[in-house]
C-alpha atoms as a PDB file:
ATOM      1  CA  MET A   1       0.980 -67.705 142.273  1.00  0.00           C
ATOM      2  CA  ALA A   2      -2.118 -65.281 141.759  1.00  0.00           C
ATOM      3  CA  LEU A   3       0.897 -62.583 142.304  1.00  0.00           C
ATOM      4  CA  GLY A   4       2.675 -63.573 139.537  1.00  0.00           C
ATOM      5  CA  THR A   5       0.013 -63.699 137.058  1.00  0.00           C
ATOM      6  CA  VAL A   6      -1.267 -60.195 138.153  1.00  0.00           C
ATOM      7  CA  LYS A   7       2.525 -59.186 137.579  1.00  0.00           C
ATOM      8  CA  VAL A   8       2.601 -60.559 134.527  1.00  0.00           C
ATOM      9  CA  GLU A   9      -1.019 -59.034 133.539  1.00  0.00           C
ATOM     10  CA  GLN A  10      -0.342 -55.403 134.681  1.00  0.00           C
ATOM     11  CA  GLY A  11       3.320 -56.123 132.829  1.00  0.00           C
ATOM     12  CA  PHE A  12       1.551 -57.268 129.620  1.00  0.00           C
ATOM     13  CA  ALA A  13      -1.124 -54.062 130.179  1.00  0.00           C
ATOM     14  CA  SER A  14       2.224 -51.632 131.076  1.00  0.00           C
ATOM     15  CA  ALA A  15       3.513 -53.269 127.598  1.00  0.00           C
ATOM     16  CA  ASN A  16       0.437 -53.113 125.662  1.00  0.00           C
ATOM     17  CA  GLU A  17       0.554 -49.326 126.973  1.00  0.00           C
ATOM     18  CA  ALA A  18       4.367 -48.819 125.856  1.00  0.00           C
ATOM     19  CA  GLY A  19       3.752 -50.111 122.143  1.00  0.00           C
ATOM     20  CA  GLN A  20       0.671 -47.848 122.186  1.00  0.00           C
ATOM     21  CA  ALA A  21       2.001 -45.095 123.620  1.00  0.00           C
ATOM     22  CA  LEU A  22       5.002 -46.093 120.263  1.00  0.00           C
ATOM     23  CA  GLN A  23       2.494 -46.612 117.843  1.00  0.00           C
ATOM     24  CA  GLU A  24       1.774 -43.251 118.400  1.00  0.00           C
ATOM     25  CA  ILE A  25       4.682 -41.709 118.293  1.00  0.00           C
ATOM     26  CA  LEU A  26       6.030 -43.882 115.230  1.00  0.00           C
ATOM     27  CA  GLU A  27       2.406 -42.340 113.480  1.00  0.00           C
ATOM     28  CA  LEU A  28       3.821 -38.325 114.973  1.00  0.00           C
ATOM     29  CA  ALA A  29       7.350 -39.221 113.554  1.00  0.00           C
ATOM     30  CA  GLU A  30       5.993 -40.008 110.088  1.00  0.00           C
ATOM     31  CA  ARG A  31       3.889 -37.646 109.704  1.00  0.00           C
ATOM     32  CA  ALA A  32       6.138 -34.678 110.895  1.00  0.00           C
ATOM     33  CA  ASN A  33       8.783 -36.434 108.378  1.00  0.00           C
ATOM     34  CA  LYS A  34       6.096 -35.476 105.558  1.00  0.00           C
ATOM     35  CA  GLN A  35       5.567 -32.523 107.199  1.00  0.00           C
ATOM     36  CA  ILE A  36       8.881 -31.698 106.488  1.00  0.00           C
ATOM     37  CA  HIS A  37       9.353 -33.426 103.476  1.00  0.00           C
ATOM     38  CA  GLN A  38       6.573 -30.655 102.478  1.00  0.00           C
ATOM     39  CA  ILE A  39       8.665 -27.785 103.943  1.00  0.00           C
ATOM     40  CA  ASN A  40      11.401 -29.127 101.818  1.00  0.00           C
ATOM     41  CA  GLU A  41       9.419 -28.850  99.012  1.00  0.00           C
ATOM     42  CA  PHE A  42       8.062 -25.629 100.093  1.00  0.00           C
ATOM     43  CA  THR A  43      11.643 -24.737 100.030  1.00  0.00           C
ATOM     44  CA  VAL A  44      12.843 -25.329  97.115  1.00  0.00           C
ATOM     45  CA  ARG A  45       9.998 -23.193  95.574  1.00  0.00           C
ATOM     46  CA  ILE A  46      10.511 -20.281  97.261  1.00  0.00           C
ATOM     47  CA  SER A  47      13.856 -20.639  95.985  1.00  0.00           C
ATOM     48  CA  ASP A  48      12.933 -21.164  92.724  1.00  0.00           C
ATOM     49  CA  LYS A  49      10.668 -18.598  92.478  1.00  0.00           C
ATOM     50  CA  SER A  50      13.487 -16.185  94.451  1.00  0.00           C
ATOM     51  CA  ARG A  51      15.504 -16.653  92.015  1.00  0.00           C
ATOM     52  CA  ASP A  52      13.137 -16.056  88.634  1.00  0.00           C
ATOM     53  CA  MET A  53      12.009 -13.045  90.805  1.00  0.00           C
ATOM     54  CA  VAL A  54      15.616 -12.178  90.662  1.00  0.00           C
ATOM     55  CA  ALA A  55      15.686 -12.367  86.788  1.00  0.00           C
ATOM     56  CA  VAL A  56      12.601 -10.147  86.817  1.00  0.00           C
ATOM     57  CA  ILE A  57      14.068  -7.556  88.894  1.00  0.00           C
ATOM     58  CA  ASP A  58      17.628  -7.604  86.633  1.00  0.00           C
ATOM     59  CA  ASN A  59      15.845  -6.993  83.996  1.00  0.00           C
ATOM     60  CA  VAL A  60      13.314  -4.643  84.996  1.00  0.00           C
ATOM     61  CA  ALA A  61      16.514  -2.570  86.281  1.00  0.00           C
ATOM     62  CA  ALA A  62      18.037  -3.328  82.812  1.00  0.00           C
ATOM     63  CA  ILE A  63      14.992  -1.512  81.465  1.00  0.00           C
ATOM     64  CA  VAL A  64      15.182   1.317  83.606  1.00  0.00           C
ATOM     65  CA  GLN A  65      18.098   2.039  82.499  1.00  0.00           C
ATOM     66  CA  GLU A  66      17.557   1.848  78.582  1.00  0.00           C
ATOM     67  CA  ASN A  67      14.436   3.867  79.609  1.00  0.00           C
ATOM     68  CA  SER A  68      16.659   6.466  81.939  1.00  0.00           C
ATOM     69  CA  ALA A  69      19.459   6.607  78.243  1.00  0.00           C
ATOM     70  CA  ALA A  70      16.502   7.579  76.017  1.00  0.00           C
ATOM     71  CA  SER A  71      15.303   9.909  78.377  1.00  0.00           C
ATOM     72  CA  SER A  72      18.771  11.580  78.249  1.00  0.00           C
ATOM     73  CA  GLU A  73      18.830  11.165  74.248  1.00  0.00           C
ATOM     74  CA  MET A  74      15.890  12.519  74.088  1.00  0.00           C
ATOM     75  CA  ALA A  75      16.468  15.303  76.169  1.00  0.00           C
ATOM     76  CA  ASP A  76      19.516  16.166  74.646  1.00  0.00           C
ATOM     77  CA  GLY A  77      16.489  15.887  70.972  1.00  0.00           C
ATOM     78  CA  SER A  78      14.620  18.219  72.616  1.00  0.00           C
ATOM     79  CA  ASN A  79      17.148  21.723  73.390  1.00  0.00           C
ATOM     80  CA  ASN A  80      18.739  21.305  70.278  1.00  0.00           C
ATOM     81  CA  VAL A  81      15.106  21.388  68.406  1.00  0.00           C
ATOM     82  CA  LYS A  82      14.759  24.023  71.197  1.00  0.00           C
ATOM     83  CA  ASN A  83      18.736  25.549  69.877  1.00  0.00           C
ATOM     84  CA  MET A  84      17.475  24.882  65.915  1.00  0.00           C
ATOM     85  CA  VAL A  85      13.327  26.518  67.023  1.00  0.00           C
ATOM     86  CA  GLU A  86      15.283  30.096  68.686  1.00  0.00           C
ATOM     87  CA  ASN A  87      18.044  29.752  65.257  1.00  0.00           C
ATOM     88  CA  ILE A  88      15.019  30.117  63.456  1.00  0.00           C
ATOM     89  CA  GLY A  89      13.697  33.063  65.949  1.00  0.00           C
ATOM     90  CA  TYR A  90      16.861  34.795  65.615  1.00  0.00           C
ATOM     91  CA  VAL A  91      16.884  34.561  61.662  1.00  0.00           C
ATOM     92  CA  SER A  92      13.276  35.284  61.309  1.00  0.00           C
ATOM     93  CA  ALA A  93      14.116  38.632  63.475  1.00  0.00           C
ATOM     94  CA  GLN A  94      16.899  39.304  61.393  1.00  0.00           C
ATOM     95  CA  SER A  95      14.910  38.921  57.887  1.00  0.00           C
ATOM     96  CA  ALA A  96      11.528  40.979  59.697  1.00  0.00           C
ATOM     97  CA  GLN A  97      14.901  43.695  59.993  1.00  0.00           C
ATOM     98  CA  ALA A  98      16.199  43.296  57.056  1.00  0.00           C
ATOM     99  CA  VAL A  99      13.193  43.659  55.243  1.00  0.00           C
ATOM    100  CA  ARG A 100      11.831  47.494  57.677  1.00  0.00           C
ATOM    101  CA  ASP A 101      15.157  48.505  56.396  1.00  0.00           C
ATOM    102  CA  VAL A 102      15.167  48.052  52.954  1.00  0.00           C
ATOM    103  CA  SER A 103      11.434  49.128  53.289  1.00  0.00           C
ATOM    104  CA  THR A 104      12.703  52.100  55.010  1.00  0.00           C
ATOM    105  CA  SER A 105      15.648  52.672  52.290  1.00  0.00           C
ATOM    106  CA  GLY A 106      12.780  52.614  49.788  1.00  0.00           C
ATOM    107  CA  GLU A 107      11.260  54.968  50.873  1.00  0.00           C
ATOM    108  CA  GLU A 108      14.169  57.346  51.409  1.00  0.00           C
ATOM    109  CA  MET A 109      15.207  56.863  47.990  1.00  0.00           C
ATOM    110  CA  ARG A 110      12.138  57.622  46.733  1.00  0.00           C
ATOM    111  CA  ASN A 111      11.645  60.626  48.814  1.00  0.00           C
ATOM    112  CA  VAL A 112      15.543  61.400  47.242  1.00  0.00           C
ATOM    113  CA  VAL A 113      13.756  60.768  43.893  1.00  0.00           C
ATOM    114  CA  ASN A 114      10.272  62.896  44.053  1.00  0.00           C
ATOM    115  CA  ASN A 115      13.523  65.870  46.184  1.00  0.00           C
ATOM    116  CA  VAL A 116      15.909  65.332  42.585  1.00  0.00           C
ATOM    117  CA  ALA A 117      12.590  65.870  40.103  1.00  0.00           C
ATOM    118  CA  ARG A 118      11.226  68.880  42.210  1.00  0.00           C
ATOM    119  CA  SER A 119      14.755  69.703  41.669  1.00  0.00           C
ATOM    120  CA  SER A 120      14.419  68.745  38.054  1.00  0.00           C
ATOM    121  CA  GLU A 121      11.085  71.631  37.173  1.00  0.00           C
ATOM    122  CA  ALA A 122      13.094  73.886  38.867  1.00  0.00           C
ATOM    123  CA  LEU A 123      15.675  73.536  37.167  1.00  0.00           C
ATOM    124  CA  ALA A 124      13.598  73.093  34.082  1.00  0.00           C
ATOM    125  CA  GLN A 125      11.723  76.135  35.150  1.00  0.00           C
ATOM    126  CA  MET A 126      14.739  78.013  35.891  1.00  0.00           C
ATOM    127  CA  ALA A 127      16.209  77.555  32.426  1.00  0.00           C
ATOM    128  CA  TRP A 128      12.975  78.256  31.288  1.00  0.00           C
ATOM    129  CA  GLU A 129      12.248  81.797  32.747  1.00  0.00           C
ATOM    130  CA  LEU A 130      16.761  82.687  32.047  1.00  0.00           C
ATOM    131  CA  GLU A 131      16.036  81.493  28.455  1.00  0.00           C
ATOM    132  CA  ALA A 132      13.110  84.018  28.267  1.00  0.00           C
ATOM    133  CA  MET A 133      15.372  86.402  29.961  1.00  0.00           C
ATOM    134  CA  THR A 134      18.033  85.772  27.429  1.00  0.00           C
ATOM    135  CA  ALA A 135      15.791  86.736  24.544  1.00  0.00           C
ATOM    136  CA  ARG A 136      15.389  89.622  25.176  1.00  0.00           C
ATOM    137  CA  PHE A 137      19.087  89.932  24.954  1.00  0.00           C
ATOM    138  CA  LYS A 138      19.159  88.641  21.478  1.00  0.00           C
ATOM    139  CA  LEU A 139      20.580  90.924  18.778  1.00  0.00           C
ATOM    140  CA  GLN A 140      19.002  91.499  15.884  1.00  0.00           C
ATOM    141  CA  SER A 141      20.706  90.545  12.224  1.00  0.00           C
ATOM    142  CA  SER A 142      19.960  92.808   9.776  1.00  0.00           C
END
């Protein structure tokens, strides 16, 4: 019977060891289960954050498009202003040329007036001299 007792004791010890191993396995399984739940929670958070990031990226893309459109409009406006300034420069140049032309015409007119005045003075002088010459030929009436 002693052999039976030894075997029972060995079986009991093996069952005890198996129980402890099973307990360790259950504890490890429980920890693994908790870690899986944590991983699942993190995955849900990451998914939510990813959706938030996509929304932010979409907003940034929309803003970039708006800025691009505004930049294009500003470039068009700048070109319009540049064209207007060029037109003002052209008109100013034409006005300056017109002023020079009027100034030149005024000077030419003054020269013509001076020439007419000199010619008038010369004609007046000739008329006076002619009158003096013709006075010698006047017949005297008795």
